[in-house]
C-alpha atoms as a PDB file:
ATOM      1  CA  MET A   1     -30.169  25.849   6.080  1.00  0.00           C
ATOM      2  CA  ARG A   2     -31.202  22.637   7.799  1.00  0.00           C
ATOM      3  CA  ARG A   3     -31.306  20.797   4.459  1.00  0.00           C
ATOM      4  CA  LEU A   4     -27.784  21.964   3.701  1.00  0.00           C
ATOM      5  CA  ILE A   5     -26.507  20.619   7.024  1.00  0.00           C
ATOM      6  CA  ILE A   6     -28.246  17.276   6.418  1.00  0.00           C
ATOM      7  CA  CYS A   7     -26.750  17.058   2.902  1.00  0.00           C
ATOM      8  CA  VAL A   8     -23.255  17.845   4.185  1.00  0.00           C
ATOM      9  CA  MET A   9     -23.597  15.200   6.890  1.00  0.00           C
ATOM     10  CA  ALA A  10     -24.833  12.597   4.388  1.00  0.00           C
ATOM     11  CA  VAL A  11     -21.937  13.285   2.026  1.00  0.00           C
ATOM     12  CA  SER A  12     -19.464  13.103   4.927  1.00  0.00           C
ATOM     13  CA  LEU A  13     -20.844   9.745   6.078  1.00  0.00           C
ATOM     14  CA  ALA A  14     -20.742   8.395   2.536  1.00  0.00           C
ATOM     15  CA  ALA A  15     -17.116   9.472   2.213  1.00  0.00           C
ATOM     16  CA  LEU A  16     -16.252   7.639   5.420  1.00  0.00           C
ATOM     17  CA  ALA A  17     -17.826   4.474   4.050  1.00  0.00           C
ATOM     18  CA  TRP A  18     -15.519   4.684   1.053  1.00  0.00           C
ATOM     19  CA  ALA A  19     -12.311   5.147   3.032  1.00  0.00           C
ATOM     20  CA  GLY A  20     -10.318   2.983   5.379  1.00  0.00           C
ATOM     21  CA  GLU A  21      -7.003   1.959   6.777  1.00  0.00           C
ATOM     22  CA  VAL A  22      -5.323  -1.427   7.214  1.00  0.00           C
ATOM     23  CA  PRO A  23      -2.031  -2.336   8.857  1.00  0.00           C
ATOM     24  CA  LEU A  24       0.955  -3.683   6.982  1.00  0.00           C
ATOM     25  CA  VAL A  25       2.415  -6.808   8.556  1.00  0.00           C
ATOM     26  CA  GLY A  26       6.207  -6.995   8.501  1.00  0.00           C
ATOM     27  CA  SER A  27       8.302 -10.107   7.977  1.00  0.00           C
ATOM     28  CA  SER A  28      11.194 -11.315  10.122  1.00  0.00           C
ATOM     29  CA  LEU A  29      13.541  -9.722   7.567  1.00  0.00           C
ATOM     30  CA  VAL A  30      12.489  -6.271   8.848  1.00  0.00           C
ATOM     31  CA  PRO A  31      11.360  -6.911  12.449  1.00  0.00           C
ATOM     32  CA  ALA A  32      11.228  -3.245  13.489  1.00  0.00           C
ATOM     33  CA  ALA A  33       9.201  -2.123  10.472  1.00  0.00           C
ATOM     34  CA  ALA A  34       5.629  -0.896  10.819  1.00  0.00           C
ATOM     35  CA  GLY A  35       3.248   0.472   8.257  1.00  0.00           C
ATOM     36  CA  LYS A  36      -0.283   1.125   7.119  1.00  0.00           C
ATOM     37  CA  ILE A  37      -2.283   1.434   3.947  1.00  0.00           C
ATOM     38  CA  SER A  38      -4.857   4.223   3.793  1.00  0.00           C
ATOM     39  CA  TYR A  39      -7.368   3.915   0.981  1.00  0.00           C
ATOM     40  CA  GLU A  40     -10.351   5.709  -0.486  1.00  0.00           C
ATOM     41  CA  HIS A  41     -12.424   5.745  -3.648  1.00  0.00           C
ATOM     42  CA  ASP A  42     -11.635   8.429  -6.182  1.00  0.00           C
ATOM     43  CA  ARG A  43     -14.354  10.106  -8.232  1.00  0.00           C
ATOM     44  CA  ASN A  44     -14.054   7.377 -10.906  1.00  0.00           C
ATOM     45  CA  GLY A  45     -14.636   4.535  -8.437  1.00  0.00           C
ATOM     46  CA  ASN A  46     -10.991   3.455  -8.389  1.00  0.00           C
ATOM     47  CA  ILE A  47      -9.161   2.788  -5.128  1.00  0.00           C
ATOM     48  CA  LYS A  48      -6.467   5.304  -4.200  1.00  0.00           C
ATOM     49  CA  LEU A  49      -3.789   3.817  -1.926  1.00  0.00           C
ATOM     50  CA  ASP A  50      -1.425   5.738   0.310  1.00  0.00           C
ATOM     51  CA  ILE A  51       1.231   3.512   1.905  1.00  0.00           C
ATOM     52  CA  LYS A  52       3.329   4.781   4.820  1.00  0.00           C
ATOM     53  CA  THR A  53       6.047   2.817   6.616  1.00  0.00           C
ATOM     54  CA  LYS A  54       8.340   3.501   9.566  1.00  0.00           C
ATOM     55  CA  HIS A  55      11.570   1.889  10.748  1.00  0.00           C
ATOM     56  CA  LEU A  56      12.091   0.200   7.375  1.00  0.00           C
ATOM     57  CA  ALA A  57      15.790  -0.318   6.674  1.00  0.00           C
ATOM     58  CA  ALA A  58      17.099   0.859   3.338  1.00  0.00           C
ATOM     59  CA  PRO A  59      17.049  -2.109   0.909  1.00  0.00           C
ATOM     60  CA  GLU A  60      20.819  -1.979   0.445  1.00  0.00           C
ATOM     61  CA  ARG A  61      21.196  -2.641   4.211  1.00  0.00           C
ATOM     62  CA  LEU A  62      19.327  -5.945   4.048  1.00  0.00           C
ATOM     63  CA  THR A  63      21.156  -9.276   4.039  1.00  0.00           C
ATOM     64  CA  PRO A  64      21.570  -9.938   1.192  1.00  0.00           C
ATOM     65  CA  ALA A  65      21.532  -6.337  -0.011  1.00  0.00           C
ATOM     66  CA  LYS A  66      18.812  -5.356  -2.480  1.00  0.00           C
ATOM     67  CA  ASN A  67      18.291  -2.398  -4.812  1.00  0.00           C
ATOM     68  CA  SER A  68      14.715  -1.354  -4.000  1.00  0.00           C
ATOM     69  CA  TYR A  69      11.377  -2.130  -2.398  1.00  0.00           C
ATOM     70  CA  VAL A  70       8.686  -2.926  -4.949  1.00  0.00           C
ATOM     71  CA  VAL A  71       4.961  -2.634  -4.200  1.00  0.00           C
ATOM     72  CA  TRP A  72       2.802  -5.337  -5.773  1.00  0.00           C
ATOM     73  CA  ILE A  73      -0.963  -5.506  -6.164  1.00  0.00           C
ATOM     74  CA  ARG A  74      -2.162  -9.109  -6.209  1.00  0.00           C
ATOM     75  CA  SER A  75      -5.822  -9.561  -7.130  1.00  0.00           C
ATOM     76  CA  ASN A  76      -7.910 -12.343  -5.615  1.00  0.00           C
ATOM     77  CA  ASP A  77      -7.587 -14.293  -8.883  1.00  0.00           C
ATOM     78  CA  GLY A  78      -3.800 -14.420  -8.376  1.00  0.00           C
ATOM     79  CA  GLN A  79      -2.692 -11.863 -10.958  1.00  0.00           C
ATOM     80  CA  THR A  80       0.203  -9.759  -9.669  1.00  0.00           C
ATOM     81  CA  GLN A  81       1.076  -6.275 -10.912  1.00  0.00           C
ATOM     82  CA  ASN A  82       4.189  -4.215 -10.190  1.00  0.00           C
ATOM     83  CA  ALA A  83       2.701  -0.946  -8.859  1.00  0.00           C
ATOM     84  CA  GLY A  84       6.030   0.844  -8.352  1.00  0.00           C
ATOM     85  CA  VAL A  85       8.831   1.552  -5.912  1.00  0.00           C
ATOM     86  CA  LEU A  86       8.397   2.336  -2.226  1.00  0.00           C
ATOM     87  CA  ARG A  87      10.945   5.052  -1.448  1.00  0.00           C
ATOM     88  CA  VAL A  88      12.617   5.064   1.976  1.00  0.00           C
ATOM     89  CA  ASN A  89      14.156   8.300   3.283  1.00  0.00           C
ATOM     90  CA  ASP A  90      17.087   8.843   5.665  1.00  0.00           C
ATOM     91  CA  ASN A  91      14.671   8.682   8.630  1.00  0.00           C
ATOM     92  CA  LEU A  92      13.698   5.125   7.585  1.00  0.00           C
ATOM     93  CA  GLU A  93      10.223   6.302   6.562  1.00  0.00           C
ATOM     94  CA  GLY A  94       8.732   4.979   3.355  1.00  0.00           C
ATOM     95  CA  SER A  95       5.895   6.278   1.231  1.00  0.00           C
ATOM     96  CA  PHE A  96       4.064   5.253  -1.917  1.00  0.00           C
ATOM     97  CA  THR A  97       0.818   6.323  -3.584  1.00  0.00           C
ATOM     98  CA  THR A  98      -1.045   4.656  -6.434  1.00  0.00           C
ATOM     99  CA  THR A  99      -4.518   4.036  -7.813  1.00  0.00           C
ATOM    100  CA  THR A 100      -6.071   0.746  -8.909  1.00  0.00           C
ATOM    101  CA  PRO A 101      -9.462  -0.290 -10.313  1.00  0.00           C
ATOM    102  CA  ILE A 102      -9.275  -3.593  -8.372  1.00  0.00           C
ATOM    103  CA  LYS A 103     -11.613  -3.740  -5.356  1.00  0.00           C
ATOM    104  CA  ALA A 104     -10.261  -6.782  -3.439  1.00  0.00           C
ATOM    105  CA  PHE A 105      -6.516  -7.402  -3.398  1.00  0.00           C
ATOM    106  CA  ASP A 106      -3.357  -7.929  -1.388  1.00  0.00           C
ATOM    107  CA  VAL A 107      -0.567  -5.384  -1.233  1.00  0.00           C
ATOM    108  CA  VAL A 108       2.819  -7.070  -1.031  1.00  0.00           C
ATOM    109  CA  ILE A 109       6.155  -5.281  -0.662  1.00  0.00           C
ATOM    110  CA  THR A 110       9.259  -7.186  -1.702  1.00  0.00           C
ATOM    111  CA  ALA A 111      12.965  -6.365  -1.717  1.00  0.00           C
ATOM    112  CA  GLU A 112      14.211  -6.645  -5.287  1.00  0.00           C
ATOM    113  CA  ASP A 113      17.493  -6.390  -7.188  1.00  0.00           C
ATOM    114  CA  ASN A 114      15.710  -4.651 -10.062  1.00  0.00           C
ATOM    115  CA  PRO A 115      12.705  -2.324  -9.549  1.00  0.00           C
ATOM    116  CA  SER A 116      11.216  -3.136 -12.960  1.00  0.00           C
ATOM    117  CA  VAL A 117      10.769  -6.893 -12.454  1.00  0.00           C
ATOM    118  CA  SER A 118       7.496  -8.292 -13.779  1.00  0.00           C
ATOM    119  CA  GLN A 119       6.937 -10.808 -10.965  1.00  0.00           C
ATOM    120  CA  PRO A 120       8.058 -10.820  -7.325  1.00  0.00           C
ATOM    121  CA  SER A 121      11.392 -12.606  -7.008  1.00  0.00           C
ATOM    122  CA  GLY A 122      12.855 -11.128  -3.815  1.00  0.00           C
ATOM    123  CA  PRO A 123      11.814 -11.721  -0.237  1.00  0.00           C
ATOM    124  CA  GLU A 124       8.509 -10.351   1.026  1.00  0.00           C
ATOM    125  CA  VAL A 125       9.053  -7.661   3.668  1.00  0.00           C
ATOM    126  CA  MET A 126       5.474  -6.447   4.332  1.00  0.00           C
ATOM    127  CA  HIS A 127       1.914  -7.241   3.288  1.00  0.00           C
ATOM    128  CA  GLY A 128      -1.682  -6.174   3.829  1.00  0.00           C
ATOM    129  CA  SER A 129      -5.129  -6.846   2.347  1.00  0.00           C
ATOM    130  CA  ILE A 130      -7.802  -4.511   0.997  1.00  0.00           C
ATOM    131  CA  GLN A 131     -11.397  -5.758   0.589  1.00  0.00           C
ATOM    132  CA  VAL A 132     -13.619  -2.934  -0.700  1.00  0.00           C
ATOM    133  CA  HIS A 133     -17.029  -3.665  -2.190  1.00  0.00           C
END
């Protein structure tokens, strides 16, 4: 029984070492916005991201109005990938989940006219950094 408890504790501590949370920093375009990125390793060693925001105005209410918020993953070597669209509900809460094999990267959220753009072209509204080794 004691071995089982020790094993459970070791697995729990290892899981904590593979998980974390970082704040998202908002720009002056969305001064009331707040957010965080929770992350953890999945069973394949990839990083699972869960982004949550609060008080983020709908993109069409920005000046100038935009169509959507796009989440970008920018690796330390400068390559930027469109990860998808951050959805904002009527309570001004946003959420987005994705997985990436990259271990050290920035998460950048921009306001875009078109959600399928291949490079950021709209203003940055929030950003955060993940450094997992």
